[in-house]
Each structure stands twice: as C-alpha cells, then as structure tokens.
Amino acid sequence: MTEPENLTLQLLREIRGEIGALRGDVRGMSERLDTVEIKLDGLTHAVVAGFGSLVHELDAVKERVGRLEAEKA
C-alpha cells in the first residue's frame, strides 16, 4: 500500500472508533432519558392526585362553612 492509502485507512479507523464511542454515549443518554420520562410520569400522576385531594378537601370545607352559616342564620 502506498502512503496515502495507509493514511486514509488510519483515518477511517479513527472515525469508526469515534462513531462507536458516540453510539455508546447516545445509548447512555437514551437510557437516562427513559428514566427521566418514567419519573416525570410518576410525578405527574402524584401531582394530579394531590390536586384532586385538595379540591375534595376544599369542597368539604366549603360545605362545612355553608352548614355553619346556615345554622347561625
């Protein structure tokens, strides 16, 4: 092989190695993103459930205040 061919092959091998490293990085980020999505979904459900509970408690308080006001009248 001539010098330019050797240089080309060497550069192609280096590029292949870099691509392999990037694939690993992307795979790791994809796994982390999956974890974030799962945790965010759980957090969203918890927040929605919490708001639902607060609304229910607020309705109960309003009802009690209404009864107390009716008793005073």
PDB file of N, CA and C in Angstrom:
ATOM      1  N   MET A   1       0.837  -1.191   0.000  1.00  0.00           N
ATOM      2  CA  MET A   1       0.000   0.000   0.000  1.00  0.00           C
ATOM      3  C   MET A   1       0.876   1.246   0.000  1.00  0.00           C
ATOM      4  N   THR A   2       0.318   2.240  -0.609  1.00  0.00           N
ATOM      5  CA  THR A   2       1.068   3.486  -0.641  1.00  0.00           C
ATOM      6  C   THR A   2       0.744   4.318   0.578  1.00  0.00           C
ATOM      7  N   GLU A   3       1.519   5.346   0.778  1.00  0.00           N
ATOM      8  CA  GLU A   3       1.354   6.206   1.955  1.00  0.00           C
ATOM      9  C   GLU A   3      -0.049   6.816   2.047  1.00  0.00           C
ATOM     10  N   PRO A   4      -0.635   7.390   0.977  1.00  0.00           N
ATOM     11  CA  PRO A   4      -1.981   7.961   1.084  1.00  0.00           C
ATOM     12  C   PRO A   4      -3.047   6.925   1.458  1.00  0.00           C
ATOM     13  N   GLU A   5      -2.902   5.698   0.936  1.00  0.00           N
ATOM     14  CA  GLU A   5      -3.867   4.647   1.275  1.00  0.00           C
ATOM     15  C   GLU A   5      -3.786   4.317   2.764  1.00  0.00           C
ATOM     16  N   ASN A   6      -2.553   4.222   3.294  1.00  0.00           N
ATOM     17  CA  ASN A   6      -2.372   3.941   4.714  1.00  0.00           C
ATOM     18  C   ASN A   6      -2.977   5.057   5.572  1.00  0.00           C
ATOM     19  N   LEU A   7      -2.759   6.275   5.155  1.00  0.00           N
ATOM     20  CA  LEU A   7      -3.292   7.411   5.889  1.00  0.00           C
ATOM     21  C   LEU A   7      -4.818   7.402   5.859  1.00  0.00           C
ATOM     22  N   THR A   8      -5.379   7.096   4.694  1.00  0.00           N
ATOM     23  CA  THR A   8      -6.842   7.026   4.558  1.00  0.00           C
ATOM     24  C   THR A   8      -7.407   5.935   5.450  1.00  0.00           C
ATOM     25  N   LEU A   9      -6.807   4.770   5.428  1.00  0.00           N
ATOM     26  CA  LEU A   9      -7.285   3.677   6.277  1.00  0.00           C
ATOM     27  C   LEU A   9      -7.168   4.020   7.749  1.00  0.00           C
ATOM     28  N   GLN A  10      -6.077   4.650   8.120  1.00  0.00           N
ATOM     29  CA  GLN A  10      -5.885   5.048   9.512  1.00  0.00           C
ATOM     30  C   GLN A  10      -6.972   6.029   9.944  1.00  0.00           C
ATOM     31  N   LEU A  11      -7.242   7.013   9.084  1.00  0.00           N
ATOM     32  CA  LEU A  11      -8.278   7.994   9.408  1.00  0.00           C
ATOM     33  C   LEU A  11      -9.655   7.338   9.491  1.00  0.00           C
ATOM     34  N   LEU A  12      -9.932   6.416   8.586  1.00  0.00           N
ATOM     35  CA  LEU A  12     -11.219   5.712   8.623  1.00  0.00           C
ATOM     36  C   LEU A  12     -11.359   4.889   9.905  1.00  0.00           C
ATOM     37  N   ARG A  13     -10.286   4.270  10.354  1.00  0.00           N
ATOM     38  CA  ARG A  13     -10.332   3.507  11.610  1.00  0.00           C
ATOM     39  C   ARG A  13     -10.590   4.432  12.804  1.00  0.00           C
ATOM     40  N   GLU A  14      -9.954   5.598  12.793  1.00  0.00           N
ATOM     41  CA  GLU A  14     -10.175   6.565  13.871  1.00  0.00           C
ATOM     42  C   GLU A  14     -11.627   7.057  13.870  1.00  0.00           C
ATOM     43  N   ILE A  15     -12.134   7.314  12.671  1.00  0.00           N
ATOM     44  CA  ILE A  15     -13.538   7.751  12.563  1.00  0.00           C
ATOM     45  C   ILE A  15     -14.462   6.654  13.073  1.00  0.00           C
ATOM     46  N   ARG A  16     -14.191   5.412  12.721  1.00  0.00           N
ATOM     47  CA  ARG A  16     -15.007   4.291  13.174  1.00  0.00           C
ATOM     48  C   ARG A  16     -14.995   4.201  14.700  1.00  0.00           C
ATOM     49  N   GLY A  17     -13.824   4.400  15.283  1.00  0.00           N
ATOM     50  CA  GLY A  17     -13.724   4.372  16.745  1.00  0.00           C
ATOM     51  C   GLY A  17     -14.521   5.492  17.392  1.00  0.00           C
ATOM     52  N   GLU A  18     -14.443   6.685  16.803  1.00  0.00           N
ATOM     53  CA  GLU A  18     -15.211   7.819  17.334  1.00  0.00           C
ATOM     54  C   GLU A  18     -16.716   7.575  17.211  1.00  0.00           C
ATOM     55  N   ILE A  19     -17.120   7.003  16.099  1.00  0.00           N
ATOM     56  CA  ILE A  19     -18.551   6.698  15.908  1.00  0.00           C
ATOM     57  C   ILE A  19     -19.006   5.677  16.950  1.00  0.00           C
ATOM     58  N   GLY A  20     -18.172   4.695  17.207  1.00  0.00           N
ATOM     59  CA  GLY A  20     -18.512   3.701  18.232  1.00  0.00           C
ATOM     60  C   GLY A  20     -18.674   4.337  19.601  1.00  0.00           C
ATOM     61  N   ALA A  21     -17.785   5.273  19.920  1.00  0.00           N
ATOM     62  CA  ALA A  21     -17.886   5.971  21.209  1.00  0.00           C
ATOM     63  C   ALA A  21     -19.154   6.813  21.268  1.00  0.00           C
ATOM     64  N   LEU A  22     -19.474   7.475  20.165  1.00  0.00           N
ATOM     65  CA  LEU A  22     -20.699   8.285  20.122  1.00  0.00           C
ATOM     66  C   LEU A  22     -21.944   7.418  20.277  1.00  0.00           C
ATOM     67  N   ARG A  23     -21.929   6.247  19.663  1.00  0.00           N
ATOM     68  CA  ARG A  23     -23.072   5.324  19.818  1.00  0.00           C
ATOM     69  C   ARG A  23     -23.272   4.977  21.289  1.00  0.00           C
ATOM     70  N   GLY A  24     -22.181   4.701  21.972  1.00  0.00           N
ATOM     71  CA  GLY A  24     -22.274   4.389  23.400  1.00  0.00           C
ATOM     72  C   GLY A  24     -22.828   5.559  24.194  1.00  0.00           C
ATOM     73  N   ASP A  25     -22.366   6.764  23.856  1.00  0.00           N
ATOM     74  CA  ASP A  25     -22.859   7.960  24.542  1.00  0.00           C
ATOM     75  C   ASP A  25     -24.355   8.142  24.304  1.00  0.00           C
ATOM     76  N   VAL A  26     -24.782   7.991  23.061  1.00  0.00           N
ATOM     77  CA  VAL A  26     -26.197   8.159  22.723  1.00  0.00           C
ATOM     78  C   VAL A  26     -27.035   7.092  23.421  1.00  0.00           C
ATOM     79  N   ARG A  27     -26.546   5.875  23.476  1.00  0.00           N
ATOM     80  CA  ARG A  27     -27.262   4.796  24.152  1.00  0.00           C
ATOM     81  C   ARG A  27     -27.438   5.132  25.631  1.00  0.00           C
ATOM     82  N   GLY A  28     -26.370   5.647  26.251  1.00  0.00           N
ATOM     83  CA  GLY A  28     -26.445   6.029  27.661  1.00  0.00           C
ATOM     84  C   GLY A  28     -27.430   7.165  27.887  1.00  0.00           C
ATOM     85  N   MET A  29     -27.400   8.160  27.002  1.00  0.00           N
ATOM     86  CA  MET A  29     -28.337   9.280  27.143  1.00  0.00           C
ATOM     87  C   MET A  29     -29.776   8.821  26.928  1.00  0.00           C
ATOM     88  N   SER A  30     -29.968   7.889  26.014  1.00  0.00           N
ATOM     89  CA  SER A  30     -31.308   7.361  25.762  1.00  0.00           C
ATOM     90  C   SER A  30     -31.843   6.645  27.001  1.00  0.00           C
ATOM     91  N   GLU A  31     -30.994   5.877  27.648  1.00  0.00           N
ATOM     92  CA  GLU A  31     -31.407   5.182  28.872  1.00  0.00           C
ATOM     93  C   GLU A  31     -31.746   6.183  29.969  1.00  0.00           C
ATOM     94  N   ARG A  32     -30.940   7.219  30.088  1.00  0.00           N
ATOM     95  CA  ARG A  32     -31.204   8.249  31.105  1.00  0.00           C
ATOM     96  C   ARG A  32     -32.498   8.984  30.805  1.00  0.00           C
ATOM     97  N   LEU A  33     -32.748   9.274  29.531  1.00  0.00           N
ATOM     98  CA  LEU A  33     -33.973   9.957  29.139  1.00  0.00           C
ATOM     99  C   LEU A  33     -35.188   9.086  29.442  1.00  0.00           C
ATOM    100  N   ASP A  34     -35.072   7.782  29.201  1.00  0.00           N
ATOM    101  CA  ASP A  34     -36.164   6.864  29.539  1.00  0.00           C
ATOM    102  C   ASP A  34     -36.472   6.933  31.031  1.00  0.00           C
ATOM    103  N   THR A  35     -35.437   6.957  31.844  1.00  0.00           N
ATOM    104  CA  THR A  35     -35.616   7.044  33.291  1.00  0.00           C
ATOM    105  C   THR A  35     -36.294   8.350  33.683  1.00  0.00           C
ATOM    106  N   VAL A  36     -35.874   9.450  33.067  1.00  0.00           N
ATOM    107  CA  VAL A  36     -36.491  10.751  33.355  1.00  0.00           C
ATOM    108  C   VAL A  36     -37.964  10.732  32.967  1.00  0.00           C
ATOM    109  N   GLU A  37     -38.290  10.154  31.815  1.00  0.00           N
ATOM    110  CA  GLU A  37     -39.681  10.090  31.374  1.00  0.00           C
ATOM    111  C   GLU A  37     -40.536   9.294  32.362  1.00  0.00           C
ATOM    112  N   ILE A  38     -40.017   8.193  32.838  1.00  0.00           N
ATOM    113  CA  ILE A  38     -40.756   7.358  33.786  1.00  0.00           C
ATOM    114  C   ILE A  38     -40.980   8.120  35.090  1.00  0.00           C
ATOM    115  N   LYS A  39     -39.938   8.779  35.579  1.00  0.00           N
ATOM    116  CA  LYS A  39     -40.069   9.530  36.833  1.00  0.00           C
ATOM    117  C   LYS A  39     -41.006  10.715  36.663  1.00  0.00           C
ATOM    118  N   LEU A  40     -40.947  11.392  35.534  1.00  0.00           N
ATOM    119  CA  LEU A  40     -41.830  12.525  35.281  1.00  0.00           C
ATOM    120  C   LEU A  40     -43.279  12.067  35.194  1.00  0.00           C
ATOM    121  N   ASP A  41     -43.506  10.927  34.591  1.00  0.00           N
ATOM    122  CA  ASP A  41     -44.859  10.382  34.520  1.00  0.00           C
ATOM    123  C   ASP A  41     -45.395  10.093  35.923  1.00  0.00           C
ATOM    124  N   GLY A  42     -44.572   9.486  36.762  1.00  0.00           N
ATOM    125  CA  GLY A  42     -44.982   9.212  38.133  1.00  0.00           C
ATOM    126  C   GLY A  42     -45.243  10.487  38.909  1.00  0.00           C
ATOM    127  N   LEU A  43     -44.394  11.473  38.714  1.00  0.00           N
ATOM    128  CA  LEU A  43     -44.564  12.761  39.387  1.00  0.00           C
ATOM    129  C   LEU A  43     -45.843  13.442  38.927  1.00  0.00           C
ATOM    130  N   THR A  44     -46.128  13.379  37.641  1.00  0.00           N
ATOM    131  CA  THR A  44     -47.355  13.973  37.102  1.00  0.00           C
ATOM    132  C   THR A  44     -48.577  13.337  37.732  1.00  0.00           C
ATOM    133  N   HIS A  45     -48.581  12.018  37.837  1.00  0.00           N
ATOM    134  CA  HIS A  45     -49.708  11.325  38.473  1.00  0.00           C
ATOM    135  C   HIS A  45     -49.856  11.743  39.936  1.00  0.00           C
ATOM    136  N   ALA A  46     -48.739  11.885  40.627  1.00  0.00           N
ATOM    137  CA  ALA A  46     -48.784  12.278  42.035  1.00  0.00           C
ATOM    138  C   ALA A  46     -49.336  13.695  42.180  1.00  0.00           C
ATOM    139  N   VAL A  47     -48.925  14.597  41.310  1.00  0.00           N
ATOM    140  CA  VAL A  47     -49.403  15.978  41.375  1.00  0.00           C
ATOM    141  C   VAL A  47     -50.898  16.037  41.085  1.00  0.00           C
ATOM    142  N   VAL A  48     -51.331  15.320  40.065  1.00  0.00           N
ATOM    143  CA  VAL A  48     -52.755  15.306  39.722  1.00  0.00           C
ATOM    144  C   VAL A  48     -53.566  14.725  40.875  1.00  0.00           C
ATOM    145  N   ALA A  49     -53.087  13.645  41.465  1.00  0.00           N
ATOM    146  CA  ALA A  49     -53.789  13.053  42.599  1.00  0.00           C
ATOM    147  C   ALA A  49     -53.816  14.019  43.776  1.00  0.00           C
ATOM    148  N   GLY A  50     -52.711  14.719  43.996  1.00  0.00           N
ATOM    149  CA  GLY A  50     -52.661  15.696  45.082  1.00  0.00           C
ATOM    150  C   GLY A  50     -53.646  16.825  44.877  1.00  0.00           C
ATOM    151  N   PHE A  51     -53.736  17.344  43.655  1.00  0.00           N
ATOM    152  CA  PHE A  51     -54.694  18.404  43.370  1.00  0.00           C
ATOM    153  C   PHE A  51     -56.116  17.899  43.555  1.00  0.00           C
ATOM    154  N   GLY A  52     -56.371  16.672  43.117  1.00  0.00           N
ATOM    155  CA  GLY A  52     -57.701  16.096  43.287  1.00  0.00           C
ATOM    156  C   GLY A  52     -58.071  16.008  44.758  1.00  0.00           C
ATOM    157  N   SER A  53     -57.126  15.615  45.578  1.00  0.00           N
ATOM    158  CA  SER A  53     -57.360  15.517  47.015  1.00  0.00           C
ATOM    159  C   SER A  53     -57.616  16.897  47.614  1.00  0.00           C
ATOM    160  N   LEU A  54     -56.832  17.884  47.188  1.00  0.00           N
ATOM    161  CA  LEU A  54     -57.030  19.246  47.695  1.00  0.00           C
ATOM    162  C   LEU A  54     -58.393  19.800  47.305  1.00  0.00           C
ATOM    163  N   VAL A  55     -58.808  19.554  46.084  1.00  0.00           N
ATOM    164  CA  VAL A  55     -60.123  20.027  45.631  1.00  0.00           C
ATOM    165  C   VAL A  55     -61.216  19.363  46.453  1.00  0.00           C
ATOM    166  N   HIS A  56     -61.067  18.080  46.712  1.00  0.00           N
ATOM    167  CA  HIS A  56     -62.053  17.355  47.517  1.00  0.00           C
ATOM    168  C   HIS A  56     -62.115  17.943  48.936  1.00  0.00           C
ATOM    169  N   GLU A  57     -60.946  18.197  49.530  1.00  0.00           N
ATOM    170  CA  GLU A  57     -60.911  18.779  50.874  1.00  0.00           C
ATOM    171  C   GLU A  57     -61.500  20.191  50.877  1.00  0.00           C
ATOM    172  N   LEU A  58     -61.221  20.973  49.853  1.00  0.00           N
ATOM    173  CA  LEU A  58     -61.770  22.323  49.752  1.00  0.00           C
ATOM    174  C   LEU A  58     -63.295  22.278  49.639  1.00  0.00           C
ATOM    175  N   ASP A  59     -63.800  21.352  48.867  1.00  0.00           N
ATOM    176  CA  ASP A  59     -65.256  21.201  48.753  1.00  0.00           C
ATOM    177  C   ASP A  59     -65.865  20.842  50.110  1.00  0.00           C
ATOM    178  N   ALA A  60     -65.192  19.973  50.860  1.00  0.00           N
ATOM    179  CA  ALA A  60     -65.695  19.584  52.178  1.00  0.00           C
ATOM    180  C   ALA A  60     -65.698  20.790  53.126  1.00  0.00           C
ATOM    181  N   VAL A  61     -64.657  21.610  53.057  1.00  0.00           N
ATOM    182  CA  VAL A  61     -64.594  22.804  53.910  1.00  0.00           C
ATOM    183  C   VAL A  61     -65.705  23.777  53.531  1.00  0.00           C
ATOM    184  N   LYS A  62     -65.907  23.979  52.238  1.00  0.00           N
ATOM    185  CA  LYS A  62     -66.985  24.866  51.790  1.00  0.00           C
ATOM    186  C   LYS A  62     -68.342  24.376  52.292  1.00  0.00           C
ATOM    187  N   GLU A  63     -68.533  23.084  52.223  1.00  0.00           N
ATOM    188  CA  GLU A  63     -69.795  22.502  52.687  1.00  0.00           C
ATOM    189  C   GLU A  63     -69.979  22.740  54.189  1.00  0.00           C
ATOM    190  N   ARG A  64     -68.912  22.546  54.968  1.00  0.00           N
ATOM    191  CA  ARG A  64     -68.995  22.770  56.413  1.00  0.00           C
ATOM    192  C   ARG A  64     -69.275  24.235  56.736  1.00  0.00           C
ATOM    193  N   VAL A  65     -68.591  25.137  56.034  1.00  0.00           N
ATOM    194  CA  VAL A  65     -68.817  26.568  56.251  1.00  0.00           C
ATOM    195  C   VAL A  65     -70.260  26.916  55.899  1.00  0.00           C
ATOM    196  N   GLY A  66     -70.753  26.360  54.818  1.00  0.00           N
ATOM    197  CA  GLY A  66     -72.140  26.598  54.428  1.00  0.00           C
ATOM    198  C   GLY A  66     -73.115  26.137  55.491  1.00  0.00           C
ATOM    199  N   ARG A  67     -72.866  24.961  56.064  1.00  0.00           N
ATOM    200  CA  ARG A  67     -73.749  24.447  57.130  1.00  0.00           C
ATOM    201  C   ARG A  67     -73.669  25.336  58.359  1.00  0.00           C
ATOM    202  N   LEU A  68     -72.446  25.767  58.732  1.00  0.00           N
ATOM    203  CA  LEU A  68     -72.307  26.641  59.907  1.00  0.00           C
ATOM    204  C   LEU A  68     -73.016  27.979  59.681  1.00  0.00           C
ATOM    205  N   GLU A  69     -72.886  28.521  58.518  1.00  0.00           N
ATOM    206  CA  GLU A  69     -73.565  29.785  58.219  1.00  0.00           C
ATOM    207  C   GLU A  69     -75.082  29.605  58.247  1.00  0.00           C
ATOM    208  N   ALA A  70     -75.565  28.473  57.774  1.00  0.00           N
ATOM    209  CA  ALA A  70     -76.999  28.193  57.765  1.00  0.00           C
ATOM    210  C   ALA A  70     -77.514  28.035  59.196  1.00  0.00           C
ATOM    211  N   GLU A  71     -76.709  27.435  60.082  1.00  0.00           N
ATOM    212  CA  GLU A  71     -77.109  27.255  61.469  1.00  0.00           C
ATOM    213  C   GLU A  71     -77.194  28.603  62.186  1.00  0.00           C
ATOM    214  N   LYS A  72     -76.286  29.529  61.850  1.00  0.00           N
ATOM    215  CA  LYS A  72     -76.285  30.834  62.510  1.00  0.00           C
ATOM    216  C   LYS A  72     -77.464  31.697  62.047  1.00  0.00           C
ATOM    217  N   ALA A  73     -77.908  31.466  60.847  1.00  0.00           N
ATOM    218  CA  ALA A  73     -78.984  32.309  60.293  1.00  0.00           C
ATOM    219  C   ALA A  73     -80.330  31.978  60.859  1.00  0.00           C
TER     220      ALA A  73
END
